[in-house]
Amino acid sequence: METTIKAQTRNVSQTSKQLSTSVSPFWEKMEFNRYGIISMLVIFIGCLGGVAASFGAQDDILKLALVAFPTIISLALVLAVAPMRAIFYLSGIAVILDLIILIF
């Protein structure tokens, strides 16, 4: 029984090593600097979302939803300690939508 467990453990550890080497050096560096990047993202996304909600989405509930949902979900991913790739992508979507709402 012990040899079966050890063999499965060895296979799982080899698989996890292969998966970890497939991550690009950029995302590894982002994961290493997670807490510094997250502090900047929280301030930037929170402030930009608040400004867009107050000035750009005053009269339309659809605009307010387009501002609020991506902003809140990106901040929730930060709290959930999601992978930095997901946080970056959703934060980018939130910034783009906030800027579109502010411009139009």
Protein backbone atom coordinates (compact mmCIF):
# COMPACT_ATOMS: atom_id res chain seq x y z
CA MET A 1 0.00 0.00 0.00
CA GLU A 2 2.82 2.43 0.79
CA THR A 3 4.52 1.97 -2.58
CA THR A 4 1.34 2.92 -4.41
CA ILE A 5 1.03 6.13 -2.44
CA LYS A 6 4.68 7.03 -2.96
CA ALA A 7 4.46 6.34 -6.68
CA GLN A 8 1.38 8.56 -7.02
CA THR A 9 3.02 11.30 -4.97
CA ARG A 10 6.11 11.22 -7.16
CA ASN A 11 3.99 11.49 -10.32
CA VAL A 12 2.02 14.41 -8.92
CA SER A 13 5.17 16.26 -7.87
CA GLN A 14 6.69 15.79 -11.33
CA THR A 15 3.50 17.07 -12.96
CA SER A 16 3.41 20.14 -10.72
CA LYS A 17 7.06 20.90 -11.53
CA GLN A 18 6.26 20.74 -15.24
CA LEU A 19 3.30 23.09 -14.80
CA SER A 20 5.29 25.60 -12.77
CA THR A 21 8.02 25.83 -15.41
CA SER A 22 5.49 26.67 -18.13
CA VAL A 23 4.75 30.07 -16.51
CA SER A 24 6.58 32.92 -18.22
CA PRO A 25 9.23 34.88 -16.30
CA PHE A 26 7.05 38.01 -16.44
CA TRP A 27 4.20 36.37 -14.49
CA GLU A 28 6.65 34.80 -12.05
CA LYS A 29 8.03 38.27 -11.34
CA MET A 30 4.50 39.63 -10.90
CA GLU A 31 3.69 36.87 -8.42
CA PHE A 32 6.91 37.62 -6.53
CA ASN A 33 6.01 41.34 -6.32
CA ARG A 34 2.33 40.65 -5.61
CA TYR A 35 1.87 42.85 -2.54
CA GLY A 36 3.50 45.94 -3.99
CA ILE A 37 1.53 45.67 -7.23
CA ILE A 38 -1.74 44.94 -5.45
CA SER A 39 -1.45 48.03 -3.25
CA MET A 40 -1.05 50.21 -6.34
CA LEU A 41 -3.88 48.45 -8.19
CA VAL A 42 -6.33 48.79 -5.29
CA ILE A 43 -5.78 52.53 -5.05
CA PHE A 44 -5.82 53.11 -8.82
CA ILE A 45 -8.81 50.88 -9.62
CA GLY A 46 -10.79 52.08 -6.60
CA CYS A 47 -10.24 55.77 -7.29
CA LEU A 48 -10.83 55.52 -11.03
CA GLY A 49 -13.99 53.46 -10.48
CA GLY A 50 -15.28 55.98 -7.95
CA VAL A 51 -14.64 58.93 -10.25
CA ALA A 52 -16.26 57.14 -13.19
CA ALA A 53 -19.28 56.22 -11.09
CA SER A 54 -19.76 59.73 -9.76
CA PHE A 55 -19.17 61.73 -12.94
CA GLY A 56 -19.80 59.38 -15.83
CA ALA A 57 -22.62 57.17 -14.61
CA GLN A 58 -24.92 59.57 -12.82
CA ASP A 59 -28.05 59.16 -14.91
CA ASP A 60 -27.96 55.63 -16.30
CA ILE A 61 -28.11 52.40 -14.32
CA LEU A 62 -26.46 50.46 -17.17
CA LYS A 63 -23.41 52.75 -17.09
CA LEU A 64 -23.24 52.38 -13.33
CA ALA A 65 -23.33 48.60 -13.67
CA LEU A 66 -20.60 48.70 -16.34
CA VAL A 67 -18.43 50.67 -13.94
CA ALA A 68 -19.24 48.88 -10.69
CA PHE A 69 -19.14 45.19 -11.59
CA PRO A 70 -15.65 44.93 -13.14
CA THR A 71 -14.24 47.22 -10.45
CA ILE A 72 -15.70 45.23 -7.58
CA ILE A 73 -14.81 41.88 -9.14
CA SER A 74 -11.18 42.92 -9.69
CA LEU A 75 -10.97 44.08 -6.07
CA ALA A 76 -12.57 40.80 -4.94
CA LEU A 77 -9.91 38.87 -6.87
CA VAL A 78 -7.28 40.80 -4.95
CA LEU A 79 -8.88 39.78 -1.66
CA ALA A 80 -9.22 36.17 -2.83
CA VAL A 81 -5.47 36.03 -3.66
CA ALA A 82 -6.22 35.01 -7.22
CA PRO A 83 -3.40 34.56 -9.74
CA MET A 84 -1.87 37.85 -10.84
CA ARG A 85 -2.72 37.11 -14.46
CA ALA A 86 -6.46 37.13 -13.65
CA ILE A 87 -6.12 40.26 -11.54
CA PHE A 88 -4.25 42.09 -14.31
CA TYR A 89 -6.71 41.11 -17.03
CA LEU A 90 -9.80 42.04 -15.05
CA SER A 91 -8.21 45.26 -13.81
CA GLY A 92 -7.43 46.15 -17.42
CA ILE A 93 -11.05 45.55 -18.39
CA ALA A 94 -12.21 47.70 -15.46
CA VAL A 95 -9.89 50.57 -16.44
CA ILE A 96 -10.97 50.43 -20.09
CA LEU A 97 -14.67 50.47 -19.17
CA ASP A 98 -14.14 53.28 -16.65
CA LEU A 99 -12.37 55.41 -19.26
CA ILE A 100 -15.06 54.70 -21.87
CA ILE A 101 -17.78 55.75 -19.44
CA LEU A 102 -15.87 58.91 -18.49
CA ILE A 103 -15.24 59.90 -22.13
CA PHE A 104 -18.75 59.23 -23.41
